[in-house]
């Protein structure tokens, strides 16, 4: 499958939603072509910037569909996208206007599975994040709080992980490794009254 790519420094997983501000001509063209074809486009993940301002594009990304169009206060195009599936980049080319296009291999989504009572704390803490950031809650009006895959994917989007770590977890065939990683992070949280 061939997809145009929008390189970003964030992680978006299947089921995740993201508002975007589109202003460069190459990306306006990308949005127009994605709307016409119905195939969406890809979010490519950039690593940390080098001293010269350049970043590496990682091989794992996410295909997104456009779910909404609107005009922003500054007159620019705003869109909301929803991620549908992960992909691995096979080949990459740059078109004349600078738009990156990739031949990609689509990867199977993580299967839904129920959080264990022990893991339910991840869902509870994610609810707290959604309460603190209502814009996140607005993007996900039908949250799946008991689905381990959904909860894990939302955590991977909001945590400040480095790209290499996020890519390793994203590349897994199921949510289990990422879930274990998240649970281990919770255990490392300082307890109330403990010394830092």
C-alpha atoms as a PDB file:
ATOM      1  CA  UNK A   1       0.000   0.000   0.000  1.00  0.00           C
ATOM      2  CA  UNK A   2       1.272   3.476  -0.872  1.00  0.00           C
ATOM      3  CA  UNK A   3       0.746   6.317   1.614  1.00  0.00           C
ATOM      4  CA  UNK A   4       1.762   9.960   1.800  1.00  0.00           C
ATOM      5  CA  UNK A   5       3.477  10.690   5.105  1.00  0.00           C
ATOM      6  CA  UNK A   6       3.168  13.500   7.614  1.00  0.00           C
ATOM      7  CA  UNK A   7       6.275  13.265   9.860  1.00  0.00           C
ATOM      8  CA  UNK A   8       5.586  14.224  13.496  1.00  0.00           C
ATOM      9  CA  UNK A   9       7.448  13.905  16.793  1.00  0.00           C
ATOM     10  CA  UNK A  10       4.574  12.121  18.528  1.00  0.00           C
ATOM     11  CA  UNK A  11       3.264   8.581  18.827  1.00  0.00           C
ATOM     12  CA  UNK A  12      -0.248   7.811  17.608  1.00  0.00           C
ATOM     13  CA  UNK A  13      -1.676   4.325  17.973  1.00  0.00           C
ATOM     14  CA  UNK A  14      -4.772   2.689  16.430  1.00  0.00           C
ATOM     15  CA  UNK A  15      -7.919   4.186  17.956  1.00  0.00           C
ATOM     16  CA  UNK A  16      -6.063   7.389  18.824  1.00  0.00           C
ATOM     17  CA  UNK A  17      -7.348  10.754  17.575  1.00  0.00           C
ATOM     18  CA  UNK A  18      -5.425  13.920  16.862  1.00  0.00           C
ATOM     19  CA  UNK A  19      -6.328  17.457  15.741  1.00  0.00           C
ATOM     20  CA  UNK A  20      -3.903  18.820  13.125  1.00  0.00           C
ATOM     21  CA  UNK A  21      -3.218  22.277  11.671  1.00  0.00           C
ATOM     22  CA  UNK A  22      -2.450  22.036   7.942  1.00  0.00           C
ATOM     23  CA  UNK A  23      -0.773  24.928   6.139  1.00  0.00           C
ATOM     24  CA  UNK A  24       2.104  23.773   3.920  1.00  0.00           C
ATOM     25  CA  UNK A  25       1.020  23.326   0.271  1.00  0.00           C
ATOM     26  CA  UNK A  26       2.370  19.747   0.123  1.00  0.00           C
ATOM     27  CA  UNK A  27       0.250  18.742   3.117  1.00  0.00           C
ATOM     28  CA  UNK A  28      -2.838  20.525   1.796  1.00  0.00           C
ATOM     29  CA  UNK A  29      -2.374  18.402  -1.348  1.00  0.00           C
ATOM     30  CA  UNK A  30      -1.921  15.288   0.811  1.00  0.00           C
ATOM     31  CA  UNK A  31      -5.186  15.971   2.680  1.00  0.00           C
ATOM     32  CA  UNK A  32      -7.053  16.643  -0.574  1.00  0.00           C
ATOM     33  CA  UNK A  33      -5.802  13.415  -2.202  1.00  0.00           C
ATOM     34  CA  UNK A  34      -6.450  11.374   0.971  1.00  0.00           C
ATOM     35  CA  UNK A  35     -10.045  12.662   1.085  1.00  0.00           C
ATOM     36  CA  UNK A  36     -10.624  11.783  -2.558  1.00  0.00           C
ATOM     37  CA  UNK A  37      -9.091   8.312  -2.424  1.00  0.00           C
ATOM     38  CA  UNK A  38     -10.444   7.327   0.995  1.00  0.00           C
ATOM     39  CA  UNK A  39      -7.131   5.621   1.833  1.00  0.00           C
ATOM     40  CA  UNK A  40      -6.051   8.175   4.426  1.00  0.00           C
ATOM     41  CA  UNK A  41      -2.388   9.012   4.959  1.00  0.00           C
ATOM     42  CA  UNK A  42       0.440   7.993   7.261  1.00  0.00           C
ATOM     43  CA  UNK A  43       1.838   9.592  10.394  1.00  0.00           C
ATOM     44  CA  UNK A  44       5.582   8.981  10.358  1.00  0.00           C
ATOM     45  CA  UNK A  45       7.503   9.257  13.610  1.00  0.00           C
ATOM     46  CA  UNK A  46      10.527  11.496  13.884  1.00  0.00           C
ATOM     47  CA  UNK A  47      13.358  10.977  16.356  1.00  0.00           C
ATOM     48  CA  UNK A  48      15.193  13.629  18.362  1.00  0.00           C
ATOM     49  CA  UNK A  49      16.546  16.548  16.345  1.00  0.00           C
ATOM     50  CA  UNK A  50      20.286  16.601  15.574  1.00  0.00           C
ATOM     51  CA  UNK A  51      22.369  19.751  16.047  1.00  0.00           C
ATOM     52  CA  UNK A  52      21.629  20.723  12.426  1.00  0.00           C
ATOM     53  CA  UNK A  53      17.857  20.479  13.033  1.00  0.00           C
ATOM     54  CA  UNK A  54      17.351  17.246  11.081  1.00  0.00           C
ATOM     55  CA  UNK A  55      15.599  14.144  12.473  1.00  0.00           C
ATOM     56  CA  UNK A  56      15.487  10.499  11.491  1.00  0.00           C
ATOM     57  CA  UNK A  57      12.199   9.045  10.292  1.00  0.00           C
ATOM     58  CA  UNK A  58      11.501   5.714  11.992  1.00  0.00           C
ATOM     59  CA  UNK A  59      10.214   2.721  10.056  1.00  0.00           C
ATOM     60  CA  UNK A  60       7.050   2.195  12.118  1.00  0.00           C
ATOM     61  CA  UNK A  61       4.117   4.576  11.652  1.00  0.00           C
ATOM     62  CA  UNK A  62       0.336   4.713  11.746  1.00  0.00           C
ATOM     63  CA  UNK A  63      -2.257   5.044   8.977  1.00  0.00           C
ATOM     64  CA  UNK A  64      -4.928   7.628   9.767  1.00  0.00           C
ATOM     65  CA  UNK A  65      -8.341   8.537   8.346  1.00  0.00           C
ATOM     66  CA  UNK A  66      -9.668  12.105   8.323  1.00  0.00           C
ATOM     67  CA  UNK A  67     -12.809  12.303  10.474  1.00  0.00           C
ATOM     68  CA  UNK A  68     -13.417  16.074  10.448  1.00  0.00           C
ATOM     69  CA  UNK A  69     -12.502  19.273   8.583  1.00  0.00           C
ATOM     70  CA  UNK A  70     -12.827  22.825   9.947  1.00  0.00           C
ATOM     71  CA  UNK A  71     -11.433  26.334   9.552  1.00  0.00           C
ATOM     72  CA  UNK A  72      -9.261  27.474  12.451  1.00  0.00           C
ATOM     73  CA  UNK A  73      -9.403  30.960  14.003  1.00  0.00           C
ATOM     74  CA  UNK A  74      -6.343  31.978  11.969  1.00  0.00           C
ATOM     75  CA  UNK A  75      -8.068  30.907   8.733  1.00  0.00           C
ATOM     76  CA  UNK A  76      -5.933  27.788   8.274  1.00  0.00           C
ATOM     77  CA  UNK A  77      -7.265  24.305   7.627  1.00  0.00           C
ATOM     78  CA  UNK A  78      -7.855  22.133  10.672  1.00  0.00           C
ATOM     79  CA  UNK A  79      -8.523  18.414  10.507  1.00  0.00           C
ATOM     80  CA  UNK A  80      -9.065  15.649  13.035  1.00  0.00           C
ATOM     81  CA  UNK A  81      -7.627  12.245  12.218  1.00  0.00           C
ATOM     82  CA  UNK A  82      -8.196   8.824  13.739  1.00  0.00           C
ATOM     83  CA  UNK A  83      -5.493   6.169  13.593  1.00  0.00           C
ATOM     84  CA  UNK A  84      -6.630   2.866  12.107  1.00  0.00           C
ATOM     85  CA  UNK A  85      -3.567   0.601  11.896  1.00  0.00           C
ATOM     86  CA  UNK A  86       0.187   0.473  12.278  1.00  0.00           C
ATOM     87  CA  UNK A  87       2.509   0.053   9.313  1.00  0.00           C
ATOM     88  CA  UNK A  88       6.148  -0.663   8.544  1.00  0.00           C
ATOM     89  CA  UNK A  89       7.805   1.437   5.830  1.00  0.00           C
ATOM     90  CA  UNK A  90       9.291  -0.691   3.033  1.00  0.00           C
ATOM     91  CA  UNK A  91      10.455   2.028   0.612  1.00  0.00           C
ATOM     92  CA  UNK A  92      10.443   5.808   0.782  1.00  0.00           C
ATOM     93  CA  UNK A  93      10.529   8.517  -1.884  1.00  0.00           C
ATOM     94  CA  UNK A  94      10.247  12.295  -1.877  1.00  0.00           C
ATOM     95  CA  UNK A  95       8.000  13.935  -4.479  1.00  0.00           C
ATOM     96  CA  UNK A  96       8.811  17.185  -6.287  1.00  0.00           C
ATOM     97  CA  UNK A  97       7.055  19.379  -3.738  1.00  0.00           C
ATOM     98  CA  UNK A  98       8.843  17.631  -0.851  1.00  0.00           C
ATOM     99  CA  UNK A  99       5.972  15.337   0.176  1.00  0.00           C
ATOM    100  CA  UNK A 100       7.233  11.997   1.463  1.00  0.00           C
ATOM    101  CA  UNK A 101       5.497   8.888   0.108  1.00  0.00           C
ATOM    102  CA  UNK A 102       6.080   5.352   1.305  1.00  0.00           C
ATOM    103  CA  UNK A 103       5.258   1.840   0.261  1.00  0.00           C
ATOM    104  CA  UNK A 104       4.092   0.307   3.531  1.00  0.00           C
ATOM    105  CA  UNK A 105       3.201  -3.080   4.978  1.00  0.00           C
ATOM    106  CA  UNK A 106       0.105  -2.862   7.206  1.00  0.00           C
ATOM    107  CA  UNK A 107       0.354  -4.629  10.576  1.00  0.00           C
ATOM    108  CA  UNK A 108      -2.439  -6.384  12.474  1.00  0.00           C
ATOM    109  CA  UNK A 109      -4.002  -4.379  15.289  1.00  0.00           C
ATOM    110  CA  UNK A 110      -3.634  -5.478  18.879  1.00  0.00           C
ATOM    111  CA  UNK A 111      -6.534  -7.694  19.918  1.00  0.00           C
ATOM    112  CA  UNK A 112      -8.888  -6.331  22.542  1.00  0.00           C
ATOM    113  CA  UNK A 113      -8.542  -8.088  25.910  1.00  0.00           C
ATOM    114  CA  UNK A 114      -9.767  -7.328  29.382  1.00  0.00           C
ATOM    115  CA  UNK A 115      -7.600  -5.685  32.026  1.00  0.00           C
ATOM    116  CA  UNK A 116      -7.034  -7.895  35.060  1.00  0.00           C
ATOM    117  CA  UNK A 117      -8.119  -6.496  38.454  1.00  0.00           C
ATOM    118  CA  UNK A 118      -4.409  -5.899  39.174  1.00  0.00           C
ATOM    119  CA  UNK A 119      -4.013  -3.894  35.928  1.00  0.00           C
ATOM    120  CA  UNK A 120      -7.210  -1.860  36.416  1.00  0.00           C
ATOM    121  CA  UNK A 121      -5.102   0.855  38.087  1.00  0.00           C
ATOM    122  CA  UNK A 122      -3.848   1.832  34.602  1.00  0.00           C
ATOM    123  CA  UNK A 123      -7.409   2.555  33.540  1.00  0.00           C
ATOM    124  CA  UNK A 124      -8.117   4.490  36.751  1.00  0.00           C
ATOM    125  CA  UNK A 125      -5.038   6.667  36.290  1.00  0.00           C
ATOM    126  CA  UNK A 126      -5.854   7.253  32.605  1.00  0.00           C
ATOM    127  CA  UNK A 127      -9.300   8.506  33.683  1.00  0.00           C
ATOM    128  CA  UNK A 128      -7.484  11.012  35.916  1.00  0.00           C
ATOM    129  CA  UNK A 129      -5.430  12.189  32.922  1.00  0.00           C
ATOM    130  CA  UNK A 130      -8.617  12.599  30.860  1.00  0.00           C
ATOM    131  CA  UNK A 131     -10.216  14.557  33.729  1.00  0.00           C
ATOM    132  CA  UNK A 132      -7.181  16.840  33.902  1.00  0.00           C
ATOM    133  CA  UNK A 133      -7.049  17.333  30.115  1.00  0.00           C
ATOM    134  CA  UNK A 134     -10.669  17.598  28.897  1.00  0.00           C
ATOM    135  CA  UNK A 135      -9.469  18.065  25.296  1.00  0.00           C
ATOM    136  CA  UNK A 136      -8.310  14.411  25.417  1.00  0.00           C
ATOM    137  CA  UNK A 137     -11.671  13.289  26.760  1.00  0.00           C
ATOM    138  CA  UNK A 138     -13.425  15.184  23.937  1.00  0.00           C
ATOM    139  CA  UNK A 139     -11.385  13.254  21.352  1.00  0.00           C
ATOM    140  CA  UNK A 140     -12.506   9.941  22.905  1.00  0.00           C
ATOM    141  CA  UNK A 141     -16.235  10.210  23.684  1.00  0.00           C
ATOM    142  CA  UNK A 142     -16.610   6.402  23.981  1.00  0.00           C
ATOM    143  CA  UNK A 143     -13.564   5.287  26.012  1.00  0.00           C
ATOM    144  CA  UNK A 144     -12.971   1.552  26.444  1.00  0.00           C
ATOM    145  CA  UNK A 145     -11.743   1.629  30.039  1.00  0.00           C
ATOM    146  CA  UNK A 146     -11.731  -2.167  30.485  1.00  0.00           C
ATOM    147  CA  UNK A 147      -9.926  -2.961  27.201  1.00  0.00           C
ATOM    148  CA  UNK A 148      -6.223  -3.507  27.912  1.00  0.00           C
ATOM    149  CA  UNK A 149      -5.180  -2.807  24.302  1.00  0.00           C
ATOM    150  CA  UNK A 150      -7.115   0.491  24.145  1.00  0.00           C
ATOM    151  CA  UNK A 151      -5.883   1.711  27.546  1.00  0.00           C
ATOM    152  CA  UNK A 152      -2.271   0.760  26.755  1.00  0.00           C
ATOM    153  CA  UNK A 153      -2.351   2.530  23.387  1.00  0.00           C
ATOM    154  CA  UNK A 154      -3.686   5.744  24.955  1.00  0.00           C
ATOM    155  CA  UNK A 155      -0.902   5.637  27.549  1.00  0.00           C
ATOM    156  CA  UNK A 156       1.738   5.261  24.817  1.00  0.00           C
ATOM    157  CA  UNK A 157       0.324   8.429  23.214  1.00  0.00           C
ATOM    158  CA  UNK A 158       0.375  10.607  26.341  1.00  0.00           C
ATOM    159  CA  UNK A 159       3.596   9.481  28.045  1.00  0.00           C
ATOM    160  CA  UNK A 160       6.814  11.372  27.164  1.00  0.00           C
ATOM    161  CA  UNK A 161       8.619   8.266  25.874  1.00  0.00           C
ATOM    162  CA  UNK A 162      11.669   8.536  23.667  1.00  0.00           C
ATOM    163  CA  UNK A 163      10.952   7.485  20.109  1.00  0.00           C
ATOM    164  CA  UNK A 164      13.170   4.387  20.204  1.00  0.00           C
ATOM    165  CA  UNK A 165      11.336   3.043  23.250  1.00  0.00           C
ATOM    166  CA  UNK A 166       7.918   3.869  21.781  1.00  0.00           C
ATOM    167  CA  UNK A 167       8.850   2.154  18.510  1.00  0.00           C
ATOM    168  CA  UNK A 168       9.914  -1.030  20.311  1.00  0.00           C
ATOM    169  CA  UNK A 169       6.612  -1.212  22.200  1.00  0.00           C
ATOM    170  CA  UNK A 170       4.567  -0.323  19.104  1.00  0.00           C
ATOM    171  CA  UNK A 171       6.247  -3.101  17.114  1.00  0.00           C
ATOM    172  CA  UNK A 172       4.929  -5.808  19.450  1.00  0.00           C
ATOM    173  CA  UNK A 173       2.190  -8.193  18.226  1.00  0.00           C
ATOM    174  CA  UNK A 174       0.047  -7.557  21.320  1.00  0.00           C
ATOM    175  CA  UNK A 175      -0.307  -5.072  24.156  1.00  0.00           C
ATOM    176  CA  UNK A 176       1.214  -7.409  26.787  1.00  0.00           C
ATOM    177  CA  UNK A 177       4.802  -6.084  26.759  1.00  0.00           C
ATOM    178  CA  UNK A 178       3.682  -2.445  26.789  1.00  0.00           C
ATOM    179  CA  UNK A 179       1.225  -3.262  29.566  1.00  0.00           C
ATOM    180  CA  UNK A 180       4.003  -4.835  31.652  1.00  0.00           C
ATOM    181  CA  UNK A 181       6.190  -1.772  31.001  1.00  0.00           C
ATOM    182  CA  UNK A 182       3.406   0.569  32.174  1.00  0.00           C
ATOM    183  CA  UNK A 183       2.811  -1.507  35.308  1.00  0.00           C
ATOM    184  CA  UNK A 184       6.545  -1.425  36.112  1.00  0.00           C
ATOM    185  CA  UNK A 185       6.502   2.374  35.761  1.00  0.00           C
ATOM    186  CA  UNK A 186       3.655   2.571  38.285  1.00  0.00           C
ATOM    187  CA  UNK A 187       5.648   0.503  40.762  1.00  0.00           C
ATOM    188  CA  UNK A 188       8.533   2.984  40.470  1.00  0.00           C
ATOM    189  CA  UNK A 189       6.279   5.944  41.357  1.00  0.00           C
ATOM    190  CA  UNK A 190       7.259   7.417  44.754  1.00  0.00           C
ATOM    191  CA  UNK A 191       4.692   6.552  47.419  1.00  0.00           C
ATOM    192  CA  UNK A 192       3.132   9.309  49.567  1.00  0.00           C
ATOM    193  CA  UNK A 193       5.372  10.076  52.516  1.00  0.00           C
ATOM    194  CA  UNK A 194       8.410   8.376  50.940  1.00  0.00           C
ATOM    195  CA  UNK A 195      11.712  10.219  50.520  1.00  0.00           C
ATOM    196  CA  UNK A 196      12.578  11.361  46.976  1.00  0.00           C
END
